[in-house]
C-alpha atoms as a PDB file:
ATOM      1  CA  UNK A   1      -0.119   0.039   0.010  1.00  0.00           C
ATOM      2  CA  UNK A   2       1.227   3.489  -0.800  1.00  0.00           C
ATOM      3  CA  UNK A   3       2.140   5.744   2.298  1.00  0.00           C
ATOM      4  CA  UNK A   4       0.036   8.669   2.623  1.00  0.00           C
ATOM      5  CA  UNK A   5       0.230  11.898   4.360  1.00  0.00           C
ATOM      6  CA  UNK A   6      -1.633  15.050   5.281  1.00  0.00           C
ATOM      7  CA  UNK A   7      -0.336  18.545   4.821  1.00  0.00           C
ATOM      8  CA  UNK A   8      -1.415  21.035   7.188  1.00  0.00           C
ATOM      9  CA  UNK A   9      -1.367  24.691   5.829  1.00  0.00           C
ATOM     10  CA  UNK A  10      -2.644  27.877   7.170  1.00  0.00           C
ATOM     11  CA  UNK A  11      -3.454  30.670   4.806  1.00  0.00           C
ATOM     12  CA  UNK A  12      -4.593  34.444   5.205  1.00  0.00           C
ATOM     13  CA  UNK A  13      -8.102  33.887   3.443  1.00  0.00           C
ATOM     14  CA  UNK A  14     -10.367  31.241   2.195  1.00  0.00           C
ATOM     15  CA  UNK A  15      -9.931  32.705  -1.262  1.00  0.00           C
ATOM     16  CA  UNK A  16      -6.217  31.918  -0.968  1.00  0.00           C
ATOM     17  CA  UNK A  17      -6.978  28.451   0.153  1.00  0.00           C
ATOM     18  CA  UNK A  18      -9.366  27.863  -2.807  1.00  0.00           C
ATOM     19  CA  UNK A  19      -6.603  29.110  -5.133  1.00  0.00           C
ATOM     20  CA  UNK A  20      -3.860  26.985  -3.761  1.00  0.00           C
ATOM     21  CA  UNK A  21      -6.056  23.878  -3.632  1.00  0.00           C
ATOM     22  CA  UNK A  22      -7.045  24.200  -7.122  1.00  0.00           C
ATOM     23  CA  UNK A  23      -3.426  24.500  -8.337  1.00  0.00           C
ATOM     24  CA  UNK A  24      -2.230  21.592  -6.219  1.00  0.00           C
ATOM     25  CA  UNK A  25      -5.262  19.345  -7.531  1.00  0.00           C
ATOM     26  CA  UNK A  26      -4.384  20.578 -11.200  1.00  0.00           C
ATOM     27  CA  UNK A  27      -0.747  19.526 -10.478  1.00  0.00           C
ATOM     28  CA  UNK A  28      -1.838  16.224  -9.007  1.00  0.00           C
ATOM     29  CA  UNK A  29       0.074  16.882  -5.837  1.00  0.00           C
ATOM     30  CA  UNK A  30      -2.931  16.330  -3.696  1.00  0.00           C
ATOM     31  CA  UNK A  31      -5.942  14.375  -3.905  1.00  0.00           C
ATOM     32  CA  UNK A  32      -8.173  16.244  -1.787  1.00  0.00           C
ATOM     33  CA  UNK A  33      -8.139  19.579   0.139  1.00  0.00           C
ATOM     34  CA  UNK A  34     -10.485  20.378   3.175  1.00  0.00           C
ATOM     35  CA  UNK A  35     -10.545  24.021   3.937  1.00  0.00           C
ATOM     36  CA  UNK A  36     -11.726  25.334   7.377  1.00  0.00           C
ATOM     37  CA  UNK A  37     -12.463  29.160   7.353  1.00  0.00           C
ATOM     38  CA  UNK A  38     -12.525  31.289  10.442  1.00  0.00           C
ATOM     39  CA  UNK A  39      -9.549  30.040  12.398  1.00  0.00           C
ATOM     40  CA  UNK A  40      -7.978  32.472  14.830  1.00  0.00           C
ATOM     41  CA  UNK A  41      -4.115  32.258  15.366  1.00  0.00           C
ATOM     42  CA  UNK A  42      -2.129  33.593  17.983  1.00  0.00           C
ATOM     43  CA  UNK A  43       1.699  33.751  17.229  1.00  0.00           C
ATOM     44  CA  UNK A  44       4.877  35.632  17.693  1.00  0.00           C
ATOM     45  CA  UNK A  45       6.136  37.125  14.635  1.00  0.00           C
ATOM     46  CA  UNK A  46       9.089  39.568  14.130  1.00  0.00           C
ATOM     47  CA  UNK A  47       9.305  39.918  18.000  1.00  0.00           C
ATOM     48  CA  UNK A  48       5.844  40.744  18.773  1.00  0.00           C
ATOM     49  CA  UNK A  49       2.781  38.636  19.773  1.00  0.00           C
ATOM     50  CA  UNK A  50      -0.234  39.038  17.299  1.00  0.00           C
ATOM     51  CA  UNK A  51      -3.343  37.423  16.324  1.00  0.00           C
ATOM     52  CA  UNK A  52      -5.021  37.079  12.925  1.00  0.00           C
ATOM     53  CA  UNK A  53      -7.966  35.269  11.288  1.00  0.00           C
ATOM     54  CA  UNK A  54      -6.856  32.537   8.984  1.00  0.00           C
ATOM     55  CA  UNK A  55      -8.182  29.541   7.186  1.00  0.00           C
ATOM     56  CA  UNK A  56      -6.620  25.972   7.667  1.00  0.00           C
ATOM     57  CA  UNK A  57      -6.121  23.509   4.843  1.00  0.00           C
ATOM     58  CA  UNK A  58      -5.786  19.804   5.188  1.00  0.00           C
ATOM     59  CA  UNK A  59      -4.262  18.329   2.109  1.00  0.00           C
ATOM     60  CA  UNK A  60      -4.098  14.687   1.418  1.00  0.00           C
ATOM     61  CA  UNK A  61      -1.300  13.383  -0.673  1.00  0.00           C
ATOM     62  CA  UNK A  62       1.435  10.578  -0.909  1.00  0.00           C
ATOM     63  CA  UNK A  63       4.341  10.774   1.309  1.00  0.00           C
ATOM     64  CA  UNK A  64       6.694  10.794  -1.783  1.00  0.00           C
ATOM     65  CA  UNK A  65       5.168  14.027  -2.999  1.00  0.00           C
ATOM     66  CA  UNK A  66       5.623  15.941   0.226  1.00  0.00           C
ATOM     67  CA  UNK A  67       8.640  17.949  -0.939  1.00  0.00           C
ATOM     68  CA  UNK A  68       7.264  18.693  -4.230  1.00  0.00           C
ATOM     69  CA  UNK A  69       3.926  19.725  -2.676  1.00  0.00           C
ATOM     70  CA  UNK A  70       5.723  21.966  -0.068  1.00  0.00           C
ATOM     71  CA  UNK A  71       7.827  23.654  -2.687  1.00  0.00           C
ATOM     72  CA  UNK A  72       4.707  24.360  -4.758  1.00  0.00           C
ATOM     73  CA  UNK A  73       2.635  25.834  -1.645  1.00  0.00           C
ATOM     74  CA  UNK A  74       5.549  27.976  -1.031  1.00  0.00           C
ATOM     75  CA  UNK A  75       5.520  29.481  -4.638  1.00  0.00           C
ATOM     76  CA  UNK A  76       1.733  30.007  -4.433  1.00  0.00           C
ATOM     77  CA  UNK A  77       1.508  31.312  -0.740  1.00  0.00           C
ATOM     78  CA  UNK A  78       1.611  34.950   0.197  1.00  0.00           C
ATOM     79  CA  UNK A  79       3.353  34.559   3.493  1.00  0.00           C
ATOM     80  CA  UNK A  80       7.190  34.937   4.041  1.00  0.00           C
ATOM     81  CA  UNK A  81       7.187  32.009   6.138  1.00  0.00           C
ATOM     82  CA  UNK A  82       3.975  29.593   5.606  1.00  0.00           C
ATOM     83  CA  UNK A  83       2.791  27.166   8.034  1.00  0.00           C
ATOM     84  CA  UNK A  84       3.197  23.716   6.230  1.00  0.00           C
ATOM     85  CA  UNK A  85       3.614  20.588   8.131  1.00  0.00           C
ATOM     86  CA  UNK A  86       3.198  17.091   7.102  1.00  0.00           C
ATOM     87  CA  UNK A  87       1.573  14.366   9.291  1.00  0.00           C
ATOM     88  CA  UNK A  88       1.842  10.695   8.322  1.00  0.00           C
ATOM     89  CA  UNK A  89      -1.386   8.791   7.860  1.00  0.00           C
ATOM     90  CA  UNK A  90      -0.919   5.697   9.943  1.00  0.00           C
ATOM     91  CA  UNK A  91      -3.988   3.775   8.893  1.00  0.00           C
ATOM     92  CA  UNK A  92      -7.561   4.173   7.529  1.00  0.00           C
ATOM     93  CA  UNK A  93      -9.818   2.974   5.038  1.00  0.00           C
ATOM     94  CA  UNK A  94      -7.776   1.124   2.480  1.00  0.00           C
ATOM     95  CA  UNK A  95     -10.061   1.855  -0.423  1.00  0.00           C
ATOM     96  CA  UNK A  96      -9.809   5.819   0.514  1.00  0.00           C
ATOM     97  CA  UNK A  97      -5.867   5.621   0.838  1.00  0.00           C
ATOM     98  CA  UNK A  98      -5.722   3.794  -2.526  1.00  0.00           C
ATOM     99  CA  UNK A  99      -7.732   6.868  -4.002  1.00  0.00           C
ATOM    100  CA  UNK A 100      -5.234   9.312  -2.657  1.00  0.00           C
ATOM    101  CA  UNK A 101      -2.526   7.227  -4.390  1.00  0.00           C
ATOM    102  CA  UNK A 102      -4.357   6.958  -7.643  1.00  0.00           C
ATOM    103  CA  UNK A 103      -5.351  10.661  -7.746  1.00  0.00           C
ATOM    104  CA  UNK A 104      -1.770  11.632  -7.100  1.00  0.00           C
ATOM    105  CA  UNK A 105      -0.087   9.429  -9.785  1.00  0.00           C
ATOM    106  CA  UNK A 106       0.437  10.386 -13.451  1.00  0.00           C
END
């Protein structure tokens, strides 16, 4: 079975999330994008504590594509230092995991 992963990405707006998701799907770097609007992030940036409203993205892909997908997200992302983390998928519905693999090949 192909090893899969979830990429977690934060973006400034839902529109940005939709644009990045559409391009990653077109590039076949992800099989699915889940977009959660209205997240509030608190963080330290450039020496000060701040908060912003953002959207979160959960992108399903193959582990072999993490590096390429990350590089593409960085190209498309408006932040200087975007949050992009990869979480391994340790199990789940075998048919769903096979679908992720099939949709990110080619």
